[in-house]
Amino acid sequence: MNSGLWRRISAREYSLIFERFGGSFPVHPRVVILLEELARRPVRYMGLLRDGSFVAAVPLWGRHIVATASALAAHDASHLMDLGESEIVLPISDDVSTHIPFEANMVSNLQRDSIQNLEPDWRPGEDLDPISSFAIARTDKEDPNGRTSHVRHRELRRFEDIGGRFVSSRDISADELVNIYVTLYRRRRGREAIS
């Protein structure tokens, strides 16, 4: 495991780390700032410093990664933004191997080599599909909720059955991701995402 020190960073530093390493829509700096404003709850940013450079970063509310369902529920903010059960890809360098001291659900299995405390969110005996499988970053050793996993896999199958497909967020620009979210939010809620 590569050594490093998690330390507090600014929103600007987080944005630069995100720009450098990428990440998924829910942890995009603009989405995080929007959530912070809507919830009127400050975000604490943490970065992993290794050899004088930041190699990973996370936006936090307490011990939860901000845009996850668990964070929104824990901080009574689920009504502010409908992120569903969005897959989380954190801005982390590909050569990092670390244990994240924060909680999140729906962390992408694409980062299972980088984040050592990811627990798979699938049942033993199931084939692992890295595109449609997720993991949970836990700070404790409790088992994943089997019912949640079953529901998630059923939703993914229905999505694929109606013609949905998975596209890597790396193939879509950050601005395109924001525009997709704003459009979907408007269609679902009948109002603009930013009030």
Protein backbone atom coordinates (compact mmCIF):
# COMPACT_ATOMS: atom_id res chain seq x y z
CA MET A 1 0.00 0.00 0.00
CA ASN A 2 1.36 3.38 -0.94
CA SER A 3 1.84 5.59 2.07
CA GLY A 4 0.28 8.99 2.23
CA LEU A 5 -1.43 11.40 4.54
CA TRP A 6 -5.06 12.50 4.31
CA ARG A 7 -5.30 16.22 5.04
CA ARG A 8 -7.83 18.98 4.69
CA ILE A 9 -7.77 20.84 1.35
CA SER A 10 -9.70 23.73 -0.20
CA ALA A 11 -12.56 23.48 -2.70
CA ARG A 12 -10.17 24.89 -5.32
CA GLU A 13 -7.58 22.19 -4.61
CA TYR A 14 -10.33 19.55 -4.82
CA SER A 15 -11.39 20.95 -8.19
CA LEU A 16 -7.81 20.75 -9.50
CA ILE A 17 -7.44 17.16 -8.28
CA PHE A 18 -10.77 16.26 -9.92
CA GLU A 19 -9.65 17.92 -13.14
CA ARG A 20 -6.43 15.91 -13.08
CA PHE A 21 -7.78 12.44 -12.17
CA GLY A 22 -11.44 12.65 -13.15
CA GLY A 23 -14.38 11.19 -11.29
CA SER A 24 -18.09 10.58 -11.61
CA PHE A 25 -20.90 13.11 -11.86
CA PRO A 26 -22.02 13.02 -8.18
CA VAL A 27 -18.58 14.12 -6.96
CA HIS A 28 -17.98 16.66 -9.74
CA PRO A 29 -16.91 19.94 -8.08
CA ARG A 30 -19.90 21.86 -9.48
CA VAL A 31 -22.35 19.22 -8.23
CA VAL A 32 -20.72 19.22 -4.79
CA ILE A 33 -20.93 23.04 -4.61
CA LEU A 34 -24.58 22.91 -5.69
CA LEU A 35 -25.36 20.36 -2.97
CA GLU A 36 -23.50 22.47 -0.42
CA GLU A 37 -25.58 25.52 -1.36
CA LEU A 38 -28.91 23.67 -1.46
CA ALA A 39 -28.32 21.93 1.87
CA ARG A 40 -26.71 24.99 3.45
CA ARG A 41 -24.19 22.54 4.87
CA PRO A 42 -20.45 23.11 4.41
CA VAL A 43 -18.40 20.49 2.61
CA ARG A 44 -15.08 19.42 4.06
CA TYR A 45 -12.56 18.40 1.41
CA MET A 46 -9.80 15.91 2.12
CA GLY A 47 -6.84 15.11 -0.11
CA LEU A 48 -4.32 12.29 0.00
CA LEU A 49 -0.81 13.72 -0.05
CA ARG A 50 2.00 11.46 -1.24
CA ASP A 51 5.55 12.55 -2.01
CA GLY A 52 4.53 16.21 -1.97
CA SER A 53 1.61 15.85 -4.42
CA PHE A 54 -2.09 15.18 -4.00
CA VAL A 55 -3.05 11.84 -5.53
CA ALA A 56 -6.68 11.55 -4.38
CA ALA A 57 -9.46 13.66 -2.93
CA VAL A 58 -12.96 13.34 -1.45
CA PRO A 59 -15.73 15.82 -0.56
CA LEU A 60 -17.27 15.04 2.84
CA TRP A 61 -20.20 15.72 5.11
CA GLY A 62 -19.05 14.30 8.40
CA ARG A 63 -17.67 10.84 7.64
CA HIS A 64 -19.74 10.36 4.45
CA ILE A 65 -18.71 11.13 0.89
CA VAL A 66 -21.10 13.98 -0.01
CA ALA A 67 -23.16 12.84 -2.98
CA THR A 68 -23.80 9.28 -1.87
CA ALA A 69 -27.25 8.07 -0.87
CA SER A 70 -25.97 7.36 2.64
CA ALA A 71 -24.69 10.95 3.02
CA LEU A 72 -27.89 12.50 1.71
CA ALA A 73 -29.99 10.32 4.02
CA ALA A 74 -27.76 10.85 7.07
CA HIS A 75 -27.93 14.62 6.66
CA ASP A 76 -31.64 14.89 5.74
CA ALA A 77 -30.77 16.14 2.26
CA SER A 78 -32.25 13.40 0.03
CA HIS A 79 -35.02 15.75 -1.09
CA LEU A 80 -32.57 18.36 -2.41
CA MET A 81 -31.07 16.42 -5.29
CA ASP A 82 -32.14 13.16 -6.85
CA LEU A 83 -28.95 11.27 -7.52
CA GLY A 84 -30.59 7.86 -7.22
CA GLU A 85 -28.07 5.15 -6.54
CA SER A 86 -25.34 6.79 -8.61
CA GLU A 87 -22.05 5.02 -9.02
CA ILE A 88 -19.23 6.94 -7.39
CA VAL A 89 -15.82 7.22 -9.04
CA LEU A 90 -13.52 9.28 -6.87
CA PRO A 91 -10.69 11.44 -8.19
CA ILE A 92 -7.82 9.07 -7.47
CA SER A 93 -4.59 8.48 -9.35
CA ASP A 94 -4.44 5.05 -11.03
CA ASP A 95 -1.23 4.16 -9.17
CA VAL A 96 -2.67 4.74 -5.68
CA SER A 97 -3.47 1.94 -3.29
CA THR A 98 -4.99 3.25 -0.08
CA HIS A 99 -7.55 2.65 2.64
CA ILE A 100 -10.09 5.48 2.66
CA PRO A 101 -11.14 6.50 6.18
CA PHE A 102 -14.60 7.64 4.99
CA GLU A 103 -17.91 5.92 4.28
CA ALA A 104 -19.60 5.65 0.92
CA ASN A 105 -21.98 3.38 -0.88
CA MET A 106 -21.97 2.67 -4.61
CA VAL A 107 -18.24 3.19 -5.08
CA SER A 108 -17.28 1.84 -8.50
CA ASN A 109 -15.52 -1.51 -8.65
CA LEU A 110 -13.30 0.17 -11.22
CA GLN A 111 -11.46 1.54 -8.18
CA ARG A 112 -11.15 -1.75 -6.28
CA ASP A 113 -7.38 -1.80 -6.90
CA SER A 114 -7.00 1.76 -5.58
CA ILE A 115 -9.28 1.59 -2.54
CA GLN A 116 -8.36 -1.32 -0.30
CA ASN A 117 -11.40 -1.19 2.00
CA LEU A 118 -14.01 -1.65 -0.72
CA GLU A 119 -16.33 -4.51 0.01
CA PRO A 120 -18.10 -5.97 -3.02
CA ASP A 121 -21.82 -5.39 -3.23
CA TRP A 122 -22.68 -8.69 -4.90
CA ARG A 123 -23.40 -12.18 -3.62
CA PRO A 124 -20.70 -14.85 -3.53
CA GLY A 125 -20.98 -17.07 -6.60
CA GLU A 126 -22.18 -14.25 -8.89
CA ASP A 127 -19.97 -13.27 -11.78
CA LEU A 128 -18.31 -9.90 -11.28
CA ASP A 129 -19.17 -7.48 -14.06
CA PRO A 130 -16.87 -4.47 -13.53
CA ILE A 131 -19.17 -2.23 -15.56
CA SER A 132 -22.37 -2.88 -13.62
CA SER A 133 -21.04 -3.99 -10.24
CA PHE A 134 -20.57 -1.69 -7.30
CA ALA A 135 -18.81 -1.78 -3.97
CA ILE A 136 -19.19 -0.15 -0.60
CA ALA A 137 -16.32 1.62 1.14
CA ARG A 138 -16.70 0.84 4.81
CA THR A 139 -14.80 1.83 7.87
CA ASP A 140 -16.27 -1.11 9.79
CA LYS A 141 -16.70 -4.80 8.99
CA GLU A 142 -20.48 -5.07 8.68
CA ASP A 143 -21.84 -7.08 5.75
CA PRO A 144 -23.45 -5.36 2.78
CA ASN A 145 -27.25 -5.32 2.82
CA GLY A 146 -28.35 -8.23 0.63
CA ARG A 147 -31.76 -6.69 -0.15
CA THR A 148 -30.20 -3.46 -1.39
CA SER A 149 -27.86 -5.45 -3.63
CA HIS A 150 -30.77 -7.49 -5.05
CA VAL A 151 -32.82 -4.37 -5.80
CA ARG A 152 -29.84 -2.66 -7.43
CA HIS A 153 -29.10 -5.63 -9.70
CA ARG A 154 -32.79 -5.90 -10.69
CA GLU A 155 -32.82 -2.19 -11.61
CA LEU A 156 -29.65 -2.61 -13.68
CA ARG A 157 -31.15 -5.57 -15.57
CA ARG A 158 -34.34 -3.58 -16.32
CA PHE A 159 -32.21 -0.66 -17.53
CA GLU A 160 -30.34 -2.93 -19.94
CA ASP A 161 -33.55 -4.68 -21.04
CA ILE A 162 -35.06 -1.39 -22.26
CA GLY A 163 -31.96 -0.57 -24.28
CA GLY A 164 -29.88 1.26 -21.69
CA ARG A 165 -26.14 0.96 -21.90
CA PHE A 166 -23.21 1.90 -19.74
CA VAL A 167 -20.69 4.45 -20.94
CA SER A 168 -17.55 5.31 -19.04
CA SER A 169 -17.66 8.79 -17.55
CA ARG A 170 -14.12 9.15 -18.91
CA ASP A 171 -15.66 9.23 -22.41
CA ILE A 172 -17.90 12.19 -21.54
CA SER A 173 -16.66 15.67 -20.69
CA ALA A 174 -17.46 17.18 -17.31
CA ASP A 175 -19.65 19.85 -18.92
CA GLU A 176 -21.60 17.18 -20.83
CA LEU A 177 -22.18 15.27 -17.58
CA VAL A 178 -23.50 18.39 -15.87
CA ASN A 179 -25.79 19.12 -18.84
CA ILE A 180 -27.12 15.54 -18.82
CA TYR A 181 -27.91 15.81 -15.12
CA VAL A 182 -29.62 19.21 -15.48
CA THR A 183 -31.75 17.90 -18.37
CA LEU A 184 -32.76 14.73 -16.52
CA TYR A 185 -33.52 16.68 -13.35
CA ARG A 186 -35.76 19.10 -15.27
CA ARG A 187 -37.62 16.22 -16.95
CA ARG A 188 -38.15 14.33 -13.70
CA ARG A 189 -38.92 17.26 -11.39
CA GLY A 190 -40.50 19.72 -13.80
CA ARG A 191 -38.24 22.51 -12.56
CA GLU A 192 -34.67 23.67 -12.89
CA ALA A 193 -31.95 21.99 -10.83
CA ILE A 194 -30.68 25.36 -9.63
CA SER A 195 -33.22 27.61 -7.99
